[in-house]
Amino acid sequence: MGTEAEPTRSKIRTWVTPSRVGWLGTAAVVLLLALPIYVRGPGDHEMAICGNALATDLDFWAGPSDGNYWEIAYRSCNSKRIDRIGKAVGVLSITVLTVTLLAARGRRDGTADDSRT
């Protein structure tokens, strides 16, 4: 007539749920896309903002004060934007894969995070 206690789950397995991993991945993607991108123009010793991964702002380089460096800044900024978008796509794909594996593990163990009820 003894009752069996459920096996205790580790703290890491308790904390790592599909919804938390999804939120963390979403936050990382938003930060990657929204944080400003800094590039250095020719002859500059400081980095200047050229926008973010979603929008470009090259007004700083358009003036003819020391020469028109717009084309060089455009290439440099676009390469960093493409790199940032690639990182965001990578984080998104890893997040989707991890959430899928965690959800499958939860269903297999019988501890699915059922938020429909």
C-alpha atoms as a PDB file:
ATOM      1  CA  MET A   1       0.000   0.000   0.000  1.00  0.00           C
ATOM      2  CA  GLY A   2       2.896   2.289  -0.456  1.00  0.00           C
ATOM      3  CA  THR A   3       2.657   5.265  -2.672  1.00  0.00           C
ATOM      4  CA  GLU A   4       5.451   5.921  -5.078  1.00  0.00           C
ATOM      5  CA  ALA A   5       6.768   9.438  -5.326  1.00  0.00           C
ATOM      6  CA  GLU A   6       7.260  10.923  -8.754  1.00  0.00           C
ATOM      7  CA  PRO A   7      10.877  11.084  -9.766  1.00  0.00           C
ATOM      8  CA  THR A   8      12.253  14.511  -9.046  1.00  0.00           C
ATOM      9  CA  ARG A   9      13.386  16.502 -12.016  1.00  0.00           C
ATOM     10  CA  SER A  10      16.609  18.440 -11.931  1.00  0.00           C
ATOM     11  CA  LYS A  11      16.468  22.196 -11.585  1.00  0.00           C
ATOM     12  CA  ILE A  12      17.749  22.669 -15.117  1.00  0.00           C
ATOM     13  CA  ARG A  13      15.090  20.409 -16.627  1.00  0.00           C
ATOM     14  CA  THR A  14      12.475  22.235 -14.573  1.00  0.00           C
ATOM     15  CA  TRP A  15      13.617  25.657 -15.740  1.00  0.00           C
ATOM     16  CA  VAL A  16      14.184  24.792 -19.403  1.00  0.00           C
ATOM     17  CA  THR A  17      10.691  24.681 -20.863  1.00  0.00           C
ATOM     18  CA  PRO A  18       9.697  25.171 -24.510  1.00  0.00           C
ATOM     19  CA  SER A  19       7.960  28.469 -23.763  1.00  0.00           C
ATOM     20  CA  ARG A  20      10.955  29.926 -21.907  1.00  0.00           C
ATOM     21  CA  VAL A  21      13.368  28.884 -24.634  1.00  0.00           C
ATOM     22  CA  GLY A  22      11.013  30.406 -27.212  1.00  0.00           C
ATOM     23  CA  TRP A  23      10.866  33.709 -25.344  1.00  0.00           C
ATOM     24  CA  LEU A  24      14.632  33.786 -24.894  1.00  0.00           C
ATOM     25  CA  GLY A  25      15.205  33.098 -28.599  1.00  0.00           C
ATOM     26  CA  THR A  26      12.686  35.755 -29.582  1.00  0.00           C
ATOM     27  CA  ALA A  27      14.381  38.318 -27.355  1.00  0.00           C
ATOM     28  CA  ALA A  28      17.786  37.470 -28.858  1.00  0.00           C
ATOM     29  CA  VAL A  29      16.452  37.869 -32.412  1.00  0.00           C
ATOM     30  CA  VAL A  30      14.816  41.207 -31.579  1.00  0.00           C
ATOM     31  CA  LEU A  31      18.042  42.487 -30.031  1.00  0.00           C
ATOM     32  CA  LEU A  32      20.115  41.352 -33.011  1.00  0.00           C
ATOM     33  CA  LEU A  33      17.798  43.148 -35.414  1.00  0.00           C
ATOM     34  CA  ALA A  34      17.253  46.321 -33.358  1.00  0.00           C
ATOM     35  CA  LEU A  35      20.680  47.131 -31.901  1.00  0.00           C
ATOM     36  CA  PRO A  36      22.641  49.763 -33.836  1.00  0.00           C
ATOM     37  CA  ILE A  37      25.431  48.831 -36.207  1.00  0.00           C
ATOM     38  CA  TYR A  38      28.684  50.755 -35.954  1.00  0.00           C
ATOM     39  CA  VAL A  39      31.077  51.195 -38.875  1.00  0.00           C
ATOM     40  CA  ARG A  40      34.258  53.137 -39.267  1.00  0.00           C
ATOM     41  CA  GLY A  41      34.554  55.426 -42.242  1.00  0.00           C
ATOM     42  CA  PRO A  42      37.812  56.051 -44.086  1.00  0.00           C
ATOM     43  CA  GLY A  43      40.089  58.225 -41.986  1.00  0.00           C
ATOM     44  CA  ASP A  44      37.783  58.030 -38.975  1.00  0.00           C
ATOM     45  CA  HIS A  45      39.148  56.991 -35.623  1.00  0.00           C
ATOM     46  CA  GLU A  46      35.709  56.562 -34.090  1.00  0.00           C
ATOM     47  CA  MET A  47      32.874  54.264 -34.980  1.00  0.00           C
ATOM     48  CA  ALA A  48      29.651  55.854 -36.212  1.00  0.00           C
ATOM     49  CA  ILE A  49      26.154  54.418 -36.323  1.00  0.00           C
ATOM     50  CA  CYS A  50      24.860  53.486 -39.761  1.00  0.00           C
ATOM     51  CA  GLY A  51      21.448  52.231 -38.654  1.00  0.00           C
ATOM     52  CA  ASN A  52      20.452  48.732 -37.619  1.00  0.00           C
ATOM     53  CA  ALA A  53      19.732  45.463 -39.398  1.00  0.00           C
ATOM     54  CA  LEU A  54      16.318  46.715 -40.499  1.00  0.00           C
ATOM     55  CA  ALA A  55      17.113  50.265 -41.642  1.00  0.00           C
ATOM     56  CA  THR A  56      20.157  52.094 -42.960  1.00  0.00           C
ATOM     57  CA  ASP A  57      21.029  55.698 -42.140  1.00  0.00           C
ATOM     58  CA  LEU A  58      24.090  56.949 -44.039  1.00  0.00           C
ATOM     59  CA  ASP A  59      23.552  60.695 -43.646  1.00  0.00           C
ATOM     60  CA  PHE A  60      26.829  61.023 -41.725  1.00  0.00           C
ATOM     61  CA  TRP A  61      28.852  60.004 -44.802  1.00  0.00           C
ATOM     62  CA  ALA A  62      26.894  61.904 -47.475  1.00  0.00           C
ATOM     63  CA  GLY A  63      28.560  65.279 -46.976  1.00  0.00           C
ATOM     64  CA  PRO A  64      31.437  66.451 -49.195  1.00  0.00           C
ATOM     65  CA  SER A  65      33.528  67.793 -46.271  1.00  0.00           C
ATOM     66  CA  ASP A  66      36.512  65.427 -46.631  1.00  0.00           C
ATOM     67  CA  GLY A  67      35.257  63.612 -49.668  1.00  0.00           C
ATOM     68  CA  ASN A  68      32.232  61.552 -50.429  1.00  0.00           C
ATOM     69  CA  TYR A  69      32.658  58.284 -48.556  1.00  0.00           C
ATOM     70  CA  TRP A  70      29.052  57.224 -48.999  1.00  0.00           C
ATOM     71  CA  GLU A  71      29.825  54.233 -51.258  1.00  0.00           C
ATOM     72  CA  ILE A  72      32.475  52.827 -48.887  1.00  0.00           C
ATOM     73  CA  ALA A  73      30.217  53.304 -45.867  1.00  0.00           C
ATOM     74  CA  TYR A  74      27.316  51.723 -47.759  1.00  0.00           C
ATOM     75  CA  ARG A  75      29.354  48.593 -48.515  1.00  0.00           C
ATOM     76  CA  SER A  76      30.694  48.319 -44.979  1.00  0.00           C
ATOM     77  CA  CYS A  77      27.287  48.863 -43.404  1.00  0.00           C
ATOM     78  CA  ASN A  78      25.573  46.403 -45.736  1.00  0.00           C
ATOM     79  CA  SER A  79      28.117  43.690 -44.990  1.00  0.00           C
ATOM     80  CA  LYS A  80      27.528  44.136 -41.262  1.00  0.00           C
ATOM     81  CA  ARG A  81      23.750  44.198 -41.796  1.00  0.00           C
ATOM     82  CA  ILE A  82      23.883  40.940 -43.762  1.00  0.00           C
ATOM     83  CA  ASP A  83      26.037  39.398 -41.036  1.00  0.00           C
ATOM     84  CA  ARG A  84      23.584  40.531 -38.345  1.00  0.00           C
ATOM     85  CA  ILE A  85      20.576  39.183 -40.268  1.00  0.00           C
ATOM     86  CA  GLY A  86      22.403  35.874 -40.771  1.00  0.00           C
ATOM     87  CA  LYS A  87      23.026  35.649 -37.022  1.00  0.00           C
ATOM     88  CA  ALA A  88      19.350  36.370 -36.346  1.00  0.00           C
ATOM     89  CA  VAL A  89      18.272  33.622 -38.754  1.00  0.00           C
ATOM     90  CA  GLY A  90      20.719  31.228 -37.068  1.00  0.00           C
ATOM     91  CA  VAL A  91      19.376  32.038 -33.600  1.00  0.00           C
ATOM     92  CA  LEU A  92      15.825  31.642 -34.880  1.00  0.00           C
ATOM     93  CA  SER A  93      16.516  28.223 -36.393  1.00  0.00           C
ATOM     94  CA  ILE A  94      18.301  26.991 -33.253  1.00  0.00           C
ATOM     95  CA  THR A  95      15.391  28.262 -31.149  1.00  0.00           C
ATOM     96  CA  VAL A  96      12.818  26.444 -33.284  1.00  0.00           C
ATOM     97  CA  LEU A  97      14.851  23.234 -33.181  1.00  0.00           C
ATOM     98  CA  THR A  98      15.328  23.433 -29.408  1.00  0.00           C
ATOM     99  CA  VAL A  99      11.650  24.169 -28.743  1.00  0.00           C
ATOM    100  CA  THR A 100      10.657  21.245 -30.962  1.00  0.00           C
ATOM    101  CA  LEU A 101      13.019  18.861 -29.172  1.00  0.00           C
ATOM    102  CA  LEU A 102      11.897  20.038 -25.730  1.00  0.00           C
ATOM    103  CA  ALA A 103       8.228  19.671 -26.657  1.00  0.00           C
ATOM    104  CA  ALA A 104       8.866  16.162 -27.989  1.00  0.00           C
ATOM    105  CA  ARG A 105      10.760  15.245 -24.814  1.00  0.00           C
ATOM    106  CA  GLY A 106       7.876  16.554 -22.705  1.00  0.00           C
ATOM    107  CA  ARG A 107       5.346  14.476 -24.594  1.00  0.00           C
ATOM    108  CA  ARG A 108       7.526  11.388 -24.391  1.00  0.00           C
ATOM    109  CA  ASP A 109       8.004  11.806 -20.639  1.00  0.00           C
ATOM    110  CA  GLY A 110       4.355  12.644 -20.107  1.00  0.00           C
ATOM    111  CA  THR A 111       5.149  16.100 -18.745  1.00  0.00           C
ATOM    112  CA  ALA A 112       3.931  18.186 -21.646  1.00  0.00           C
ATOM    113  CA  ASP A 113       3.446  21.869 -20.918  1.00  0.00           C
ATOM    114  CA  ASP A 114      -0.287  21.930 -21.605  1.00  0.00           C
ATOM    115  CA  SER A 115      -1.280  25.579 -21.573  1.00  0.00           C
ATOM    116  CA  ARG A 116      -4.611  24.991 -23.319  1.00  0.00           C
ATOM    117  CA  THR A 117      -6.455  24.141 -20.123  1.00  0.00           C
END
